[in-house]
Amino acid sequence: MPIKLTHRDLGGSGLSPLIILHGLMGSSRNWQTLGRELSQYYHVFALDLRNHGTSPHSAEMTYADMAEDVILWMQSNHIENATILGHSMGGKVAMVAACRYPSCVTKLIVVDIAPKAYYWPAHRSEFSAMKKIDLNHIATRLDAEKVLELDVPSLALRKFLVTNLEKTQDGNWQWIVNLDVITKAVDHLESNPLAPAEQYLGPTCFIVGGKSNYVKIEDEPSIKSIFPQAQIVTLNEAGHNPHMDSKDAFLKAIKDFIS
């Protein structure tokens, strides 16, 4: 059953719409700076997917559900069709939306994810580490980072994870992500959500981080079979977050694709 997603309007009123879908444990907040830069080309909307950001929580978390949420959001906001950009988990949501609701998707941009199954053991340990934090005994996000330090060696990742901590009205900390449901859903989130016969025939661009192992050379045939118009752009100096690691090159790739 679809739910009503929240969003940020990042500017570009009057232009054709661009919908941005964040990755796992992210939110629309992560795309504010880049989204505003993209607003010179599009009217940019960054959505919070279910169980993330300020969108409602749900016990169900499949790619079919999340794609349906996006279509409901479009209908509720009187958007007939749009360019959809999705990063990582959001890229899989975008792929499902494009294949199953092609009339709603004018162009598709997929960031550092392929239409295949993954295995992310690090995510399991990260979620476990997050659950270890006693939210009644932290005063700041830095306190939470220190608890994560033993299990999450990357400082950047620790800082990213604790962006999901917010204070309630009574001054207590809480996770804004639905950590329990996301943990249970991780097997599905790793899976390839597309059936072999599914296709999207519209203009498509995959933007890949050259230092990331999420999209490999051997993935190109399956990408082209599902997305026959796909062009694949590799940003050599970028990792899994090319929109952050190589922002200028990322913006140029999008500009070249839409021009």
Protein backbone atom coordinates (compact mmCIF):
# COMPACT_ATOMS: atom_id res chain seq x y z
CA MET A 1 0.00 0.00 0.00
CA PRO A 2 1.54 3.35 -1.03
CA ILE A 3 2.24 6.02 1.55
CA LYS A 4 2.49 9.81 1.23
CA LEU A 5 6.13 10.84 0.99
CA THR A 6 7.56 14.14 2.18
CA HIS A 7 9.87 16.20 -0.02
CA ARG A 8 12.05 19.28 -0.33
CA ASP A 9 11.43 21.73 -3.16
CA LEU A 10 14.94 22.80 -4.17
CA GLY A 11 13.96 25.40 -6.76
CA GLY A 12 13.47 25.78 -10.49
CA SER A 13 9.75 26.52 -10.47
CA GLY A 14 8.34 26.57 -14.00
CA LEU A 15 10.91 24.13 -15.41
CA SER A 16 10.27 20.45 -16.10
CA PRO A 17 10.43 18.34 -12.92
CA LEU A 18 13.36 16.32 -11.64
CA ILE A 19 12.74 13.89 -8.78
CA ILE A 20 15.74 12.84 -6.68
CA LEU A 21 15.69 9.59 -4.69
CA HIS A 22 18.37 9.16 -2.01
CA GLY A 23 20.24 6.01 -1.00
CA LEU A 24 19.91 3.69 1.98
CA MET A 25 20.03 5.55 5.32
CA GLY A 26 20.05 8.86 3.46
CA SER A 27 17.38 11.50 3.01
CA SER A 28 16.44 14.48 0.89
CA ARG A 29 18.70 16.57 3.13
CA ASN A 30 21.78 14.96 1.53
CA TRP A 31 20.83 16.42 -1.86
CA GLN A 32 20.11 20.03 -0.95
CA THR A 33 23.30 21.61 -2.31
CA LEU A 34 23.46 19.63 -5.53
CA GLY A 35 19.71 19.83 -6.03
CA ARG A 36 19.84 23.62 -5.92
CA GLU A 37 22.56 23.59 -8.56
CA LEU A 38 20.42 21.34 -10.75
CA SER A 39 17.53 23.80 -10.38
CA GLN A 40 18.98 25.85 -13.25
CA TYR A 41 17.85 23.00 -15.52
CA TYR A 42 14.88 21.51 -13.68
CA HIS A 43 12.30 22.11 -11.00
CA VAL A 44 13.99 19.88 -8.43
CA PHE A 45 12.18 17.82 -5.82
CA ALA A 46 14.16 15.63 -3.39
CA LEU A 47 11.96 12.99 -1.77
CA ASP A 48 12.30 11.12 1.52
CA LEU A 49 11.61 7.46 0.78
CA ARG A 50 9.52 5.44 3.22
CA ASN A 51 11.20 4.72 6.57
CA HIS A 52 13.67 7.56 5.91
CA GLY A 53 13.83 11.27 6.66
CA THR A 54 10.49 12.77 7.58
CA SER A 55 8.37 10.37 5.51
CA PRO A 56 6.06 7.95 7.34
CA HIS A 57 7.30 4.60 8.58
CA SER A 58 5.86 1.36 7.28
CA ALA A 59 6.35 -2.32 8.15
CA GLU A 60 6.57 -3.05 4.42
CA MET A 61 9.68 -2.06 2.48
CA THR A 62 9.92 -3.51 -1.00
CA TYR A 63 11.10 -1.85 -4.17
CA ALA A 64 7.61 -2.25 -5.63
CA ASP A 65 6.18 -0.39 -2.63
CA MET A 66 8.76 2.39 -2.87
CA ALA A 67 8.25 2.86 -6.60
CA GLU A 68 4.49 3.05 -6.05
CA ASP A 69 5.08 5.67 -3.34
CA VAL A 70 6.94 7.81 -5.88
CA ILE A 71 4.13 7.53 -8.43
CA LEU A 72 1.54 8.43 -5.76
CA TRP A 73 3.66 11.45 -4.81
CA MET A 74 3.72 12.54 -8.46
CA GLN A 75 -0.04 12.16 -8.78
CA SER A 76 -0.62 14.04 -5.52
CA ASN A 77 1.55 16.89 -6.78
CA HIS A 78 -0.06 16.94 -10.24
CA ILE A 79 3.15 15.85 -12.00
CA GLU A 80 2.30 13.76 -15.04
CA ASN A 81 5.88 12.77 -15.85
CA ALA A 82 9.38 13.65 -14.71
CA THR A 83 13.06 12.88 -14.97
CA ILE A 84 13.94 10.60 -12.08
CA LEU A 85 17.42 10.45 -10.55
CA GLY A 86 18.17 7.76 -8.00
CA HIS A 87 21.34 6.98 -6.06
CA SER A 88 22.17 3.47 -4.82
CA MET A 89 18.96 2.11 -3.22
CA GLY A 90 17.14 5.09 -4.71
CA GLY A 91 18.57 4.07 -8.08
CA LYS A 92 16.89 0.69 -7.78
CA VAL A 93 13.62 2.40 -6.87
CA ALA A 94 14.05 4.64 -9.93
CA MET A 95 14.70 1.63 -12.18
CA VAL A 96 11.54 -0.11 -10.97
CA ALA A 97 9.48 3.06 -11.43
CA ALA A 98 10.82 3.51 -14.97
CA CYS A 99 10.18 -0.10 -16.00
CA ARG A 100 6.71 -0.38 -14.47
CA TYR A 101 5.42 3.16 -14.99
CA PRO A 102 7.25 4.24 -18.16
CA SER A 103 4.74 6.94 -19.11
CA CYS A 104 5.63 8.72 -15.85
CA VAL A 105 9.38 8.79 -16.52
CA THR A 106 10.71 11.05 -19.26
CA LYS A 107 14.39 10.34 -18.51
CA LEU A 108 16.17 8.09 -16.01
CA ILE A 109 19.45 8.81 -14.22
CA VAL A 110 20.90 6.01 -12.08
CA VAL A 111 23.84 6.76 -9.79
CA ASP A 112 26.34 4.00 -8.95
CA ILE A 113 24.08 0.98 -8.80
CA ALA A 114 23.29 -1.79 -11.29
CA PRO A 115 20.20 -3.95 -11.90
CA LYS A 116 21.64 -6.92 -10.04
CA ALA A 117 21.77 -8.52 -6.60
CA TYR A 118 24.33 -7.38 -4.04
CA TYR A 119 25.57 -8.61 -0.68
CA TRP A 120 26.32 -5.84 1.80
CA PRO A 121 27.73 -7.41 5.00
CA ALA A 122 28.95 -3.97 6.13
CA HIS A 123 25.37 -2.71 6.32
CA ARG A 124 24.45 -5.48 8.73
CA SER A 125 27.30 -4.57 11.07
CA GLU A 126 26.48 -0.86 10.76
CA PHE A 127 22.83 -1.41 11.68
CA SER A 128 23.87 -3.59 14.60
CA ALA A 129 26.26 -0.89 15.79
CA MET A 130 23.52 1.74 15.57
CA LYS A 131 21.24 -0.42 17.70
CA LYS A 132 23.94 -0.65 20.38
CA ILE A 133 23.73 3.07 21.07
CA ASP A 134 21.78 3.82 24.23
CA LEU A 135 19.96 6.94 23.12
CA ASN A 136 19.15 7.79 26.73
CA HIS A 137 22.84 8.25 27.48
CA ILE A 138 24.06 10.50 24.69
CA ALA A 139 24.07 14.28 24.79
CA THR A 140 25.27 15.00 21.24
CA ARG A 141 25.70 13.29 17.88
CA LEU A 142 29.42 13.23 18.63
CA ASP A 143 28.69 10.94 21.58
CA ALA A 144 26.91 8.58 19.19
CA GLU A 145 29.84 8.71 16.76
CA LYS A 146 32.17 7.62 19.56
CA VAL A 147 30.00 4.58 20.28
CA LEU A 148 30.04 3.65 16.58
CA GLU A 149 33.81 3.99 16.34
CA LEU A 150 34.57 0.39 17.32
CA ASP A 151 32.32 -1.11 14.63
CA VAL A 152 32.35 1.59 11.91
CA PRO A 153 35.96 2.54 11.12
CA SER A 154 35.13 5.22 8.54
CA LEU A 155 34.73 8.67 10.09
CA ALA A 156 32.74 9.90 7.09
CA LEU A 157 30.36 6.96 7.37
CA ARG A 158 29.91 7.49 11.11
CA LYS A 159 29.02 11.13 10.49
CA PHE A 160 26.60 10.09 7.75
CA LEU A 161 24.84 7.53 9.97
CA VAL A 162 24.32 9.93 12.86
CA THR A 163 22.62 12.46 10.58
CA ASN A 164 19.67 10.14 11.21
CA LEU A 165 19.56 11.14 14.87
CA GLU A 166 17.12 13.91 15.78
CA LYS A 167 15.91 15.31 19.08
CA THR A 168 12.28 14.90 20.06
CA GLN A 169 10.24 17.73 21.56
CA ASP A 170 11.07 16.47 25.04
CA GLY A 171 14.81 16.67 24.30
CA ASN A 172 15.51 12.97 23.82
CA TRP A 173 17.33 11.51 20.83
CA GLN A 174 15.65 9.18 18.37
CA TRP A 175 16.47 7.56 15.03
CA ILE A 176 14.41 9.10 12.24
CA VAL A 177 15.02 6.04 10.09
CA ASN A 178 12.96 2.94 10.83
CA LEU A 179 16.00 0.95 11.86
CA ASP A 180 14.15 -2.26 12.75
CA VAL A 181 12.28 -2.50 9.45
CA ILE A 182 15.31 -1.53 7.37
CA THR A 183 17.37 -4.21 9.13
CA LYS A 184 14.73 -6.84 8.36
CA ALA A 185 14.42 -5.63 4.76
CA VAL A 186 18.12 -5.69 3.92
CA ASP A 187 17.94 -9.05 2.08
CA HIS A 188 15.29 -7.63 -0.22
CA LEU A 189 17.10 -4.33 -0.62
CA GLU A 190 20.18 -6.24 -1.79
CA SER A 191 18.19 -8.16 -4.40
CA ASN A 192 17.64 -7.35 -8.05
CA PRO A 193 14.06 -6.02 -8.09
CA LEU A 194 13.63 -6.34 -11.87
CA ALA A 195 12.28 -9.40 -13.68
CA PRO A 196 14.32 -10.58 -16.69
CA ALA A 197 11.76 -9.34 -19.22
CA GLU A 198 11.35 -5.84 -17.75
CA GLN A 199 12.60 -2.91 -19.80
CA TYR A 200 12.60 0.86 -19.94
CA LEU A 201 13.03 2.20 -23.45
CA GLY A 202 13.45 5.87 -22.62
CA PRO A 203 16.67 7.91 -22.38
CA THR A 204 18.82 6.58 -19.56
CA CYS A 205 22.16 7.53 -18.03
CA PHE A 206 24.15 5.50 -15.50
CA ILE A 207 26.71 7.62 -13.66
CA VAL A 208 29.31 5.38 -12.06
CA GLY A 209 32.13 5.99 -9.60
CA GLY A 210 35.42 4.73 -11.03
CA LYS A 211 36.70 3.88 -7.54
CA SER A 212 33.48 2.13 -6.56
CA ASN A 213 32.84 -1.59 -7.03
CA TYR A 214 29.06 -1.25 -7.30
CA VAL A 215 28.96 -1.20 -11.11
CA LYS A 216 31.48 -3.29 -13.03
CA ILE A 217 32.35 -3.73 -16.69
CA GLU A 218 30.59 -7.09 -16.70
CA ASP A 219 27.33 -5.39 -15.65
CA GLU A 220 27.09 -3.41 -18.88
CA PRO A 221 25.33 -6.12 -20.97
CA SER A 222 22.52 -6.49 -18.42
CA ILE A 223 22.21 -2.70 -18.13
CA LYS A 224 21.91 -2.39 -21.92
CA SER A 225 19.42 -5.27 -22.17
CA ILE A 226 17.03 -3.66 -19.67
CA PHE A 227 17.78 -0.06 -20.67
CA PRO A 228 18.59 -0.18 -24.41
CA GLN A 229 19.18 3.58 -24.61
CA ALA A 230 21.52 3.61 -21.62
CA GLN A 231 24.75 5.54 -21.71
CA ILE A 232 27.26 4.77 -18.98
CA VAL A 233 29.44 7.59 -17.69
CA THR A 234 32.32 6.72 -15.36
CA LEU A 235 33.76 9.42 -13.12
CA ASN A 236 37.23 8.04 -12.53
CA GLU A 237 38.04 9.89 -9.30
CA ALA A 238 34.72 9.17 -7.59
CA GLY A 239 33.64 6.42 -5.22
CA HIS A 240 30.11 5.30 -4.41
CA ASN A 241 28.96 8.92 -4.00
CA PRO A 242 30.03 10.55 -7.29
CA HIS A 243 27.66 13.46 -6.68
CA MET A 244 29.81 14.32 -3.65
CA ASP A 245 33.25 13.03 -4.69
CA SER A 246 33.27 14.63 -8.16
CA LYS A 247 30.46 17.18 -8.02
CA ASP A 248 31.52 19.27 -11.03
CA ALA A 249 32.01 16.21 -13.24
CA PHE A 250 28.70 14.82 -11.99
CA LEU A 251 26.85 18.01 -12.91
CA LYS A 252 28.54 18.03 -16.33
CA ALA A 253 27.46 14.42 -16.94
CA ILE A 254 23.86 15.38 -16.22
CA LYS A 255 24.06 18.51 -18.34
CA ASP A 256 25.50 16.54 -21.26
CA PHE A 257 22.80 13.89 -20.89
CA ILE A 258 19.87 16.29 -20.87
CA SER A 259 21.13 18.63 -23.58
